[in-house]
PDB file of N, CA and C in Angstrom:
ATOM      1  N   MET A   1      89.056 101.773  89.434  1.00  0.00           N
ATOM      2  CA  MET A   1      89.598 100.570  88.831  1.00  0.00           C
ATOM      3  C   MET A   1      88.614 100.078  87.767  1.00  0.00           C
ATOM      4  N   THR A   2      89.139  99.663  86.637  1.00  0.00           N
ATOM      5  CA  THR A   2      88.286  99.162  85.570  1.00  0.00           C
ATOM      6  C   THR A   2      87.851  97.727  85.887  1.00  0.00           C
ATOM      7  N   PRO A   3      86.741  97.291  85.315  1.00  0.00           N
ATOM      8  CA  PRO A   3      86.336  95.901  85.502  1.00  0.00           C
ATOM      9  C   PRO A   3      87.399  94.913  85.010  1.00  0.00           C
ATOM     10  N   GLU A   4      88.089  95.265  83.939  1.00  0.00           N
ATOM     11  CA  GLU A   4      89.116  94.372  83.402  1.00  0.00           C
ATOM     12  C   GLU A   4      90.273  94.224  84.393  1.00  0.00           C
ATOM     13  N   ALA A   5      90.707  95.324  84.986  1.00  0.00           N
ATOM     14  CA  ALA A   5      91.783  95.270  85.981  1.00  0.00           C
ATOM     15  C   ALA A   5      91.326  94.498  87.216  1.00  0.00           C
ATOM     16  N   ALA A   6      90.064  94.675  87.586  1.00  0.00           N
ATOM     17  CA  ALA A   6      89.517  93.944  88.735  1.00  0.00           C
ATOM     18  C   ALA A   6      89.498  92.443  88.457  1.00  0.00           C
ATOM     19  N   GLU A   7      89.128  92.065  87.235  1.00  0.00           N
ATOM     20  CA  GLU A   7      89.124  90.653  86.874  1.00  0.00           C
ATOM     21  C   GLU A   7      90.537  90.074  86.931  1.00  0.00           C
ATOM     22  N   GLN A   8      91.517  90.837  86.474  1.00  0.00           N
ATOM     23  CA  GLN A   8      92.905  90.361  86.519  1.00  0.00           C
ATOM     24  C   GLN A   8      93.369  90.161  87.961  1.00  0.00           C
ATOM     25  N   LEU A   9      92.995  91.081  88.824  1.00  0.00           N
ATOM     26  CA  LEU A   9      93.374  90.944  90.228  1.00  0.00           C
ATOM     27  C   LEU A   9      92.691  89.735  90.847  1.00  0.00           C
ATOM     28  N   ALA A  10      91.425  89.527  90.519  1.00  0.00           N
ATOM     29  CA  ALA A  10      90.694  88.375  91.053  1.00  0.00           C
ATOM     30  C   ALA A  10      91.290  87.064  90.545  1.00  0.00           C
ATOM     31  N   LEU A  11      91.716  87.040  89.296  1.00  0.00           N
ATOM     32  CA  LEU A  11      92.390  85.843  88.769  1.00  0.00           C
ATOM     33  C   LEU A  11      93.708  85.599  89.503  1.00  0.00           C
ATOM     34  N   ALA A  12      94.406  86.663  89.825  1.00  0.00           N
ATOM     35  CA  ALA A  12      95.639  86.526  90.611  1.00  0.00           C
ATOM     36  C   ALA A  12      95.315  85.975  91.997  1.00  0.00           C
ATOM     37  N   ALA A  13      94.209  86.436  92.573  1.00  0.00           N
ATOM     38  CA  ALA A  13      93.794  85.928  93.889  1.00  0.00           C
ATOM     39  C   ALA A  13      93.433  84.449  93.799  1.00  0.00           C
ATOM     40  N   LEU A  14      92.789  84.049  92.716  1.00  0.00           N
ATOM     41  CA  LEU A  14      92.460  82.642  92.526  1.00  0.00           C
ATOM     42  C   LEU A  14      93.738  81.811  92.405  1.00  0.00           C
ATOM     43  N   GLY A  15      94.713  82.319  91.684  1.00  0.00           N
ATOM     44  CA  GLY A  15      96.005  81.648  91.582  1.00  0.00           C
ATOM     45  C   GLY A  15      96.693  81.553  92.931  1.00  0.00           C
ATOM     46  N   PHE A  16      96.575  82.597  93.720  1.00  0.00           N
ATOM     47  CA  PHE A  16      97.131  82.608  95.075  1.00  0.00           C
ATOM     48  C   PHE A  16      96.484  81.506  95.908  1.00  0.00           C
ATOM     49  N   LEU A  17      95.164  81.398  95.821  1.00  0.00           N
ATOM     50  CA  LEU A  17      94.461  80.344  96.559  1.00  0.00           C
ATOM     51  C   LEU A  17      94.871  78.957  96.056  1.00  0.00           C
ATOM     52  N   ALA A  18      95.048  78.835  94.755  1.00  0.00           N
ATOM     53  CA  ALA A  18      95.445  77.540  94.183  1.00  0.00           C
ATOM     54  C   ALA A  18      96.806  77.101  94.703  1.00  0.00           C
ATOM     55  N   GLY A  19      97.651  78.046  95.060  1.00  0.00           N
ATOM     56  CA  GLY A  19      98.950  77.732  95.611  1.00  0.00           C
ATOM     57  C   GLY A  19      98.913  77.357  97.083  1.00  0.00           C
ATOM     58  N   ARG A  20      97.739  77.392  97.665  1.00  0.00           N
ATOM     59  CA  ARG A  20      97.538  77.037  99.074  1.00  0.00           C
ATOM     60  C   ARG A  20      96.440  75.983  99.138  1.00  0.00           C
ATOM     61  N   PRO A  21      96.789  74.725  98.977  1.00  0.00           N
ATOM     62  CA  PRO A  21      95.783  73.660  98.872  1.00  0.00           C
ATOM     63  C   PRO A  21      94.732  73.662  99.987  1.00  0.00           C
ATOM     64  N   GLU A  22      95.142  73.944 101.205  1.00  0.00           N
ATOM     65  CA  GLU A  22      94.165  73.949 102.298  1.00  0.00           C
ATOM     66  C   GLU A  22      93.138  75.068 102.122  1.00  0.00           C
ATOM     67  N   GLU A  23      93.611  76.247 101.750  1.00  0.00           N
ATOM     68  CA  GLU A  23      92.703  77.379 101.519  1.00  0.00           C
ATOM     69  C   GLU A  23      91.828  77.126 100.295  1.00  0.00           C
ATOM     70  N   LEU A  24      92.410  76.526  99.270  1.00  0.00           N
ATOM     71  CA  LEU A  24      91.635  76.230  98.066  1.00  0.00           C
ATOM     72  C   LEU A  24      90.509  75.251  98.378  1.00  0.00           C
ATOM     73  N   THR A  25      90.775  74.270  99.221  1.00  0.00           N
ATOM     74  CA  THR A  25      89.744  73.316  99.617  1.00  0.00           C
ATOM     75  C   THR A  25      88.600  74.012 100.332  1.00  0.00           C
ATOM     76  N   VAL A  26      88.928  74.925 101.235  1.00  0.00           N
ATOM     77  CA  VAL A  26      87.900  75.686 101.962  1.00  0.00           C
ATOM     78  C   VAL A  26      87.108  76.545 100.970  1.00  0.00           C
ATOM     79  N   PHE A  27      87.812  77.196 100.053  1.00  0.00           N
ATOM     80  CA  PHE A  27      87.153  78.034  99.052  1.00  0.00           C
ATOM     81  C   PHE A  27      86.191  77.217  98.193  1.00  0.00           C
ATOM     82  N   MET A  28      86.664  76.071  97.714  1.00  0.00           N
ATOM     83  CA  MET A  28      85.815  75.246  96.848  1.00  0.00           C
ATOM     84  C   MET A  28      84.597  74.728  97.606  1.00  0.00           C
ATOM     85  N   ALA A  29      84.764  74.403  98.865  1.00  0.00           N
ATOM     86  CA  ALA A  29      83.623  73.960  99.671  1.00  0.00           C
ATOM     87  C   ALA A  29      82.635  75.110  99.858  1.00  0.00           C
ATOM     88  N   ALA A  30      83.145  76.303 100.106  1.00  0.00           N
ATOM     89  CA  ALA A  30      82.266  77.471 100.277  1.00  0.00           C
ATOM     90  C   ALA A  30      81.509  77.781  98.988  1.00  0.00           C
ATOM     91  N   ALA A  31      82.173  77.574  97.859  1.00  0.00           N
ATOM     92  CA  ALA A  31      81.545  77.851  96.559  1.00  0.00           C
ATOM     93  C   ALA A  31      80.687  76.686  96.081  1.00  0.00           C
ATOM     94  N   GLY A  32      80.898  75.509  96.674  1.00  0.00           N
ATOM     95  CA  GLY A  32      80.165  74.327  96.233  1.00  0.00           C
ATOM     96  C   GLY A  32      80.568  73.866  94.848  1.00  0.00           C
ATOM     97  N   LEU A  33      81.856  73.964  94.559  1.00  0.00           N
ATOM     98  CA  LEU A  33      82.345  73.648  93.216  1.00  0.00           C
ATOM     99  C   LEU A  33      83.278  72.445  93.210  1.00  0.00           C
ATOM    100  N   SER A  34      83.218  71.704  92.115  1.00  0.00           N
ATOM    101  CA  SER A  34      84.202  70.666  91.843  1.00  0.00           C
ATOM    102  C   SER A  34      85.384  71.335  91.138  1.00  0.00           C
ATOM    103  N   PRO A  35      86.518  70.652  91.029  1.00  0.00           N
ATOM    104  CA  PRO A  35      87.652  71.231  90.293  1.00  0.00           C
ATOM    105  C   PRO A  35      87.290  71.597  88.842  1.00  0.00           C
ATOM    106  N   GLU A  36      86.481  70.766  88.209  1.00  0.00           N
ATOM    107  CA  GLU A  36      86.084  71.055  86.822  1.00  0.00           C
ATOM    108  C   GLU A  36      85.232  72.323  86.751  1.00  0.00           C
ATOM    109  N   GLU A  37      84.302  72.467  87.685  1.00  0.00           N
ATOM    110  CA  GLU A  37      83.461  73.668  87.708  1.00  0.00           C
ATOM    111  C   GLU A  37      84.287  74.910  88.004  1.00  0.00           C
ATOM    112  N   LEU A  38      85.265  74.765  88.870  1.00  0.00           N
ATOM    113  CA  LEU A  38      86.145  75.886  89.192  1.00  0.00           C
ATOM    114  C   LEU A  38      86.845  76.381  87.938  1.00  0.00           C
ATOM    115  N   ARG A  39      87.398  75.463  87.175  1.00  0.00           N
ATOM    116  CA  ARG A  39      88.087  75.845  85.936  1.00  0.00           C
ATOM    117  C   ARG A  39      87.133  76.485  84.930  1.00  0.00           C
ATOM    118  N   SER A  40      85.934  75.948  84.815  1.00  0.00           N
ATOM    119  CA  SER A  40      85.007  76.477  83.808  1.00  0.00           C
ATOM    120  C   SER A  40      84.424  77.838  84.197  1.00  0.00           C
ATOM    121  N   ARG A  41      84.372  78.145  85.479  1.00  0.00           N
ATOM    122  CA  ARG A  41      83.770  79.412  85.920  1.00  0.00           C
ATOM    123  C   ARG A  41      84.791  80.509  86.168  1.00  0.00           C
ATOM    124  N   ALA A  42      86.064  80.195  86.066  1.00  0.00           N
ATOM    125  CA  ALA A  42      87.119  81.138  86.439  1.00  0.00           C
ATOM    126  C   ALA A  42      87.102  82.438  85.637  1.00  0.00           C
ATOM    127  N   ALA A  43      86.480  82.457  84.490  1.00  0.00           N
ATOM    128  CA  ALA A  43      86.447  83.677  83.685  1.00  0.00           C
ATOM    129  C   ALA A  43      85.175  84.496  83.882  1.00  0.00           C
ATOM    130  N   GLU A  44      84.248  84.021  84.704  1.00  0.00           N
ATOM    131  CA  GLU A  44      82.986  84.738  84.913  1.00  0.00           C
ATOM    132  C   GLU A  44      83.173  85.872  85.925  1.00  0.00           C
ATOM    133  N   PRO A  45      82.821  87.102  85.556  1.00  0.00           N
ATOM    134  CA  PRO A  45      82.993  88.230  86.474  1.00  0.00           C
ATOM    135  C   PRO A  45      82.284  88.031  87.824  1.00  0.00           C
ATOM    136  N   GLU A  46      81.105  87.432  87.810  1.00  0.00           N
ATOM    137  CA  GLU A  46      80.385  87.200  89.063  1.00  0.00           C
ATOM    138  C   GLU A  46      81.156  86.241  89.965  1.00  0.00           C
ATOM    139  N   PHE A  47      81.717  85.200  89.367  1.00  0.00           N
ATOM    140  CA  PHE A  47      82.506  84.241  90.131  1.00  0.00           C
ATOM    141  C   PHE A  47      83.776  84.897  90.666  1.00  0.00           C
ATOM    142  N   LEU A  48      84.403  85.726  89.863  1.00  0.00           N
ATOM    143  CA  LEU A  48      85.611  86.414  90.311  1.00  0.00           C
ATOM    144  C   LEU A  48      85.303  87.349  91.480  1.00  0.00           C
ATOM    145  N   GLY A  49      84.105  87.900  91.490  1.00  0.00           N
ATOM    146  CA  GLY A  49      83.681  88.684  92.649  1.00  0.00           C
ATOM    147  C   GLY A  49      83.631  87.823  93.896  1.00  0.00           C
ATOM    148  N   PHE A  50      83.153  86.591  93.746  1.00  0.00           N
ATOM    149  CA  PHE A  50      83.109  85.673  94.883  1.00  0.00           C
ATOM    150  C   PHE A  50      84.519  85.337  95.371  1.00  0.00           C
ATOM    151  N   VAL A  51      85.462  85.210  94.441  1.00  0.00           N
ATOM    152  CA  VAL A  51      86.855  84.948  94.822  1.00  0.00           C
ATOM    153  C   VAL A  51      87.340  86.074  95.734  1.00  0.00           C
ATOM    154  N   LEU A  52      87.076  87.307  95.328  1.00  0.00           N
ATOM    155  CA  LEU A  52      87.513  88.441  96.146  1.00  0.00           C
ATOM    156  C   LEU A  52      86.739  88.519  97.453  1.00  0.00           C
ATOM    157  N   ASP A  53      85.458  88.179  97.439  1.00  0.00           N
ATOM    158  CA  ASP A  53      84.692  88.135  98.688  1.00  0.00           C
ATOM    159  C   ASP A  53      85.343  87.171  99.674  1.00  0.00           C
ATOM    160  N   PHE A  54      85.733  86.013  99.183  1.00  0.00           N
ATOM    161  CA  PHE A  54      86.378  85.003 100.031  1.00  0.00           C
ATOM    162  C   PHE A  54      87.683  85.543 100.598  1.00  0.00           C
ATOM    163  N   LEU A  55      88.477  86.170  99.768  1.00  0.00           N
ATOM    164  CA  LEU A  55      89.751  86.727 100.209  1.00  0.00           C
ATOM    165  C   LEU A  55      89.537  87.830 101.250  1.00  0.00           C
ATOM    166  N   LEU A  56      88.567  88.676 101.002  1.00  0.00           N
ATOM    167  CA  LEU A  56      88.323  89.815 101.886  1.00  0.00           C
ATOM    168  C   LEU A  56      87.768  89.417 103.251  1.00  0.00           C
ATOM    169  N   GLN A  57      87.195  88.253 103.355  1.00  0.00           N
ATOM    170  CA  GLN A  57      86.616  87.850 104.635  1.00  0.00           C
ATOM    171  C   GLN A  57      87.640  87.264 105.595  1.00  0.00           C
ATOM    172  N   ASP A  58      88.877  87.085 105.150  1.00  0.00           N
ATOM    173  CA  ASP A  58      89.933  86.535 105.994  1.00  0.00           C
ATOM    174  C   ASP A  58      91.122  87.494 105.981  1.00  0.00           C
ATOM    175  N   GLU A  59      91.279  88.245 107.061  1.00  0.00           N
ATOM    176  CA  GLU A  59      92.308  89.287 107.107  1.00  0.00           C
ATOM    177  C   GLU A  59      93.715  88.732 106.892  1.00  0.00           C
ATOM    178  N   THR A  60      94.022  87.595 107.485  1.00  0.00           N
ATOM    179  CA  THR A  60      95.352  87.009 107.331  1.00  0.00           C
ATOM    180  C   THR A  60      95.614  86.641 105.876  1.00  0.00           C
ATOM    181  N   LEU A  61      94.627  86.033 105.248  1.00  0.00           N
ATOM    182  CA  LEU A  61      94.749  85.666 103.838  1.00  0.00           C
ATOM    183  C   LEU A  61      94.906  86.913 102.969  1.00  0.00           C
ATOM    184  N   LEU A  62      94.127  87.932 103.256  1.00  0.00           N
ATOM    185  CA  LEU A  62      94.197  89.189 102.517  1.00  0.00           C
ATOM    186  C   LEU A  62      95.587  89.814 102.633  1.00  0.00           C
ATOM    187  N   ILE A  63      96.098  89.880 103.841  1.00  0.00           N
ATOM    188  CA  ILE A  63      97.423  90.464 104.063  1.00  0.00           C
ATOM    189  C   ILE A  63      98.491  89.658 103.330  1.00  0.00           C
ATOM    190  N   ASP A  64      98.422  88.341 103.429  1.00  0.00           N
ATOM    191  CA  ASP A  64      99.402  87.493 102.744  1.00  0.00           C
ATOM    192  C   ASP A  64      99.370  87.724 101.241  1.00  0.00           C
ATOM    193  N   PHE A  65      98.169  87.784 100.671  1.00  0.00           N
ATOM    194  CA  PHE A  65      98.032  88.012  99.228  1.00  0.00           C
ATOM    195  C   PHE A  65      98.631  89.360  98.837  1.00  0.00           C
ATOM    196  N   CYS A  66      98.257  90.397  99.552  1.00  0.00           N
ATOM    197  CA  CYS A  66      98.742  91.737  99.218  1.00  0.00           C
ATOM    198  C   CYS A  66     100.257  91.843  99.384  1.00  0.00           C
ATOM    199  N   GLN A  67     100.790  91.253 100.432  1.00  0.00           N
ATOM    200  CA  GLN A  67     102.237  91.309 100.628  1.00  0.00           C
ATOM    201  C   GLN A  67     102.975  90.523  99.546  1.00  0.00           C
ATOM    202  N   GLU A  68     102.436  89.370  99.188  1.00  0.00           N
ATOM    203  CA  GLU A  68     103.071  88.560  98.145  1.00  0.00           C
ATOM    204  C   GLU A  68     103.099  89.292  96.815  1.00  0.00           C
ATOM    205  N   ARG A  69     102.063  90.062  96.545  1.00  0.00           N
ATOM    206  CA  ARG A  69     101.936  90.792  95.277  1.00  0.00           C
ATOM    207  C   ARG A  69     102.405  92.239  95.366  1.00  0.00           C
ATOM    208  N   ALA A  70     102.843  92.663  96.544  1.00  0.00           N
ATOM    209  CA  ALA A  70     103.261  94.056  96.782  1.00  0.00           C
ATOM    210  C   ALA A  70     102.136  95.030  96.411  1.00  0.00           C
ATOM    211  N   LEU A  71     100.941  94.715  96.894  1.00  0.00           N
ATOM    212  CA  LEU A  71      99.760  95.536  96.621  1.00  0.00           C
ATOM    213  C   LEU A  71      99.350  96.310  97.870  1.00  0.00           C
ATOM    214  N   PRO A  72      98.761  97.486  97.685  1.00  0.00           N
ATOM    215  CA  PRO A  72      98.153  98.159  98.825  1.00  0.00           C
ATOM    216  C   PRO A  72      97.009  97.286  99.359  1.00  0.00           C
ATOM    217  N   PHE A  73      96.810  97.307 100.658  1.00  0.00           N
ATOM    218  CA  PHE A  73      95.822  96.429 101.271  1.00  0.00           C
ATOM    219  C   PHE A  73      94.385  96.727 100.823  1.00  0.00           C
ATOM    220  N   ASP A  74      94.132  97.909 100.296  1.00  0.00           N
ATOM    221  CA  ASP A  74      92.772  98.226  99.858  1.00  0.00           C
ATOM    222  C   ASP A  74      92.509  97.840  98.399  1.00  0.00           C
ATOM    223  N   ARG A  75      93.514  97.384  97.684  1.00  0.00           N
ATOM    224  CA  ARG A  75      93.343  97.071  96.260  1.00  0.00           C
ATOM    225  C   ARG A  75      92.309  95.972  96.013  1.00  0.00           C
ATOM    226  N   PRO A  76      92.326  94.848  96.753  1.00  0.00           N
ATOM    227  CA  PRO A  76      91.285  93.843  96.517  1.00  0.00           C
ATOM    228  C   PRO A  76      89.870  94.368  96.767  1.00  0.00           C
ATOM    229  N   MET A  77      89.717  95.231  97.770  1.00  0.00           N
ATOM    230  CA  MET A  77      88.398  95.806  98.048  1.00  0.00           C
ATOM    231  C   MET A  77      87.953  96.710  96.895  1.00  0.00           C
ATOM    232  N   ARG A  78      88.880  97.480  96.364  1.00  0.00           N
ATOM    233  CA  ARG A  78      88.531  98.344  95.227  1.00  0.00           C
ATOM    234  C   ARG A  78      88.217  97.500  93.995  1.00  0.00           C
ATOM    235  N   ALA A  79      88.946  96.398  93.817  1.00  0.00           N
ATOM    236  CA  ALA A  79      88.661  95.496  92.693  1.00  0.00           C
ATOM    237  C   ALA A  79      87.279  94.882  92.860  1.00  0.00           C
ATOM    238  N   ARG A  80      86.947  94.493  94.076  1.00  0.00           N
ATOM    239  CA  ARG A  80      85.631  93.885  94.328  1.00  0.00           C
ATOM    240  C   ARG A  80      84.518  94.848  93.966  1.00  0.00           C
ATOM    241  N   ALA A  81      84.708  96.120  94.276  1.00  0.00           N
ATOM    242  CA  ALA A  81      83.689  97.126  93.982  1.00  0.00           C
ATOM    243  C   ALA A  81      83.473  97.294  92.477  1.00  0.00           C
ATOM    244  N   ALA A  82      84.473  96.939  91.677  1.00  0.00           N
ATOM    245  CA  ALA A  82      84.372  97.093  90.218  1.00  0.00           C
ATOM    246  C   ALA A  82      83.731  95.897  89.529  1.00  0.00           C
ATOM    247  N   LEU A  83      83.481  94.827  90.281  1.00  0.00           N
ATOM    248  CA  LEU A  83      82.879  93.624  89.696  1.00  0.00           C
ATOM    249  C   LEU A  83      81.395  93.540  90.039  1.00  0.00           C
ATOM    250  N   PRO A  84      80.628  92.732  89.305  1.00  0.00           N
ATOM    251  CA  PRO A  84      79.195  92.613  89.577  1.00  0.00           C
ATOM    252  C   PRO A  84      78.920  92.262  91.041  1.00  0.00           C
ATOM    253  N   GLY A  85      77.993  93.004  91.632  1.00  0.00           N
ATOM    254  CA  GLY A  85      77.614  92.776  93.026  1.00  0.00           C
ATOM    255  C   GLY A  85      78.497  93.508  94.008  1.00  0.00           C
ATOM    256  N   GLY A  86      79.515  94.157  93.539  1.00  0.00           N
ATOM    257  CA  GLY A  86      80.440  94.856  94.422  1.00  0.00           C
ATOM    258  C   GLY A  86      79.918  96.145  94.996  1.00  0.00           C
ATOM    259  N   ASP A  87      78.826  96.624  94.452  1.00  0.00           N
ATOM    260  CA  ASP A  87      78.252  97.863  94.954  1.00  0.00           C
ATOM    261  C   ASP A  87      77.232  97.634  96.066  1.00  0.00           C
ATOM    262  N   ALA A  88      77.056  96.376  96.456  1.00  0.00           N
ATOM    263  CA  ALA A  88      76.101  96.057  97.538  1.00  0.00           C
ATOM    264  C   ALA A  88      76.633  96.595  98.863  1.00  0.00           C
ATOM    265  N   PRO A  89      75.768  97.156  99.681  1.00  0.00           N
ATOM    266  CA  PRO A  89      76.236  97.697 100.964  1.00  0.00           C
ATOM    267  C   PRO A  89      76.708  96.587 101.896  1.00  0.00           C
ATOM    268  N   ASN A  90      77.704  96.893 102.697  1.00  0.00           N
ATOM    269  CA  ASN A  90      78.216  95.968 103.703  1.00  0.00           C
ATOM    270  C   ASN A  90      77.612  96.376 105.035  1.00  0.00           C
ATOM    271  N   TRP A  91      76.776  95.536 105.608  1.00  0.00           N
ATOM    272  CA  TRP A  91      76.048  95.885 106.821  1.00  0.00           C
ATOM    273  C   TRP A  91      76.754  95.405 108.078  1.00  0.00           C
ATOM    274  N   THR A  92      77.946  94.843 107.944  1.00  0.00           N
ATOM    275  CA  THR A  92      78.639  94.361 109.147  1.00  0.00           C
ATOM    276  C   THR A  92      79.659  95.350 109.630  1.00  0.00           C
TER     277      THR A  92
END
């Protein structure tokens, strides 16, 4: 997956979270961002990696996103690997 395609998928994931106010609140608290900061950072590849990290850590959220978008369940993980910091080993 190209970095550009990964960024598009992460933006879609951010839009998905925005459509779920409760999840968006949890995400913003985890990121430590205000709504203004969220909007200003939405185009940063590193931040988009964090969006996918958040999605990937919740299986139910991940499944809902993939089903809503008709995506294979491994697509967000592959997108994460294409963004900065995505090559870090997962020790869990």
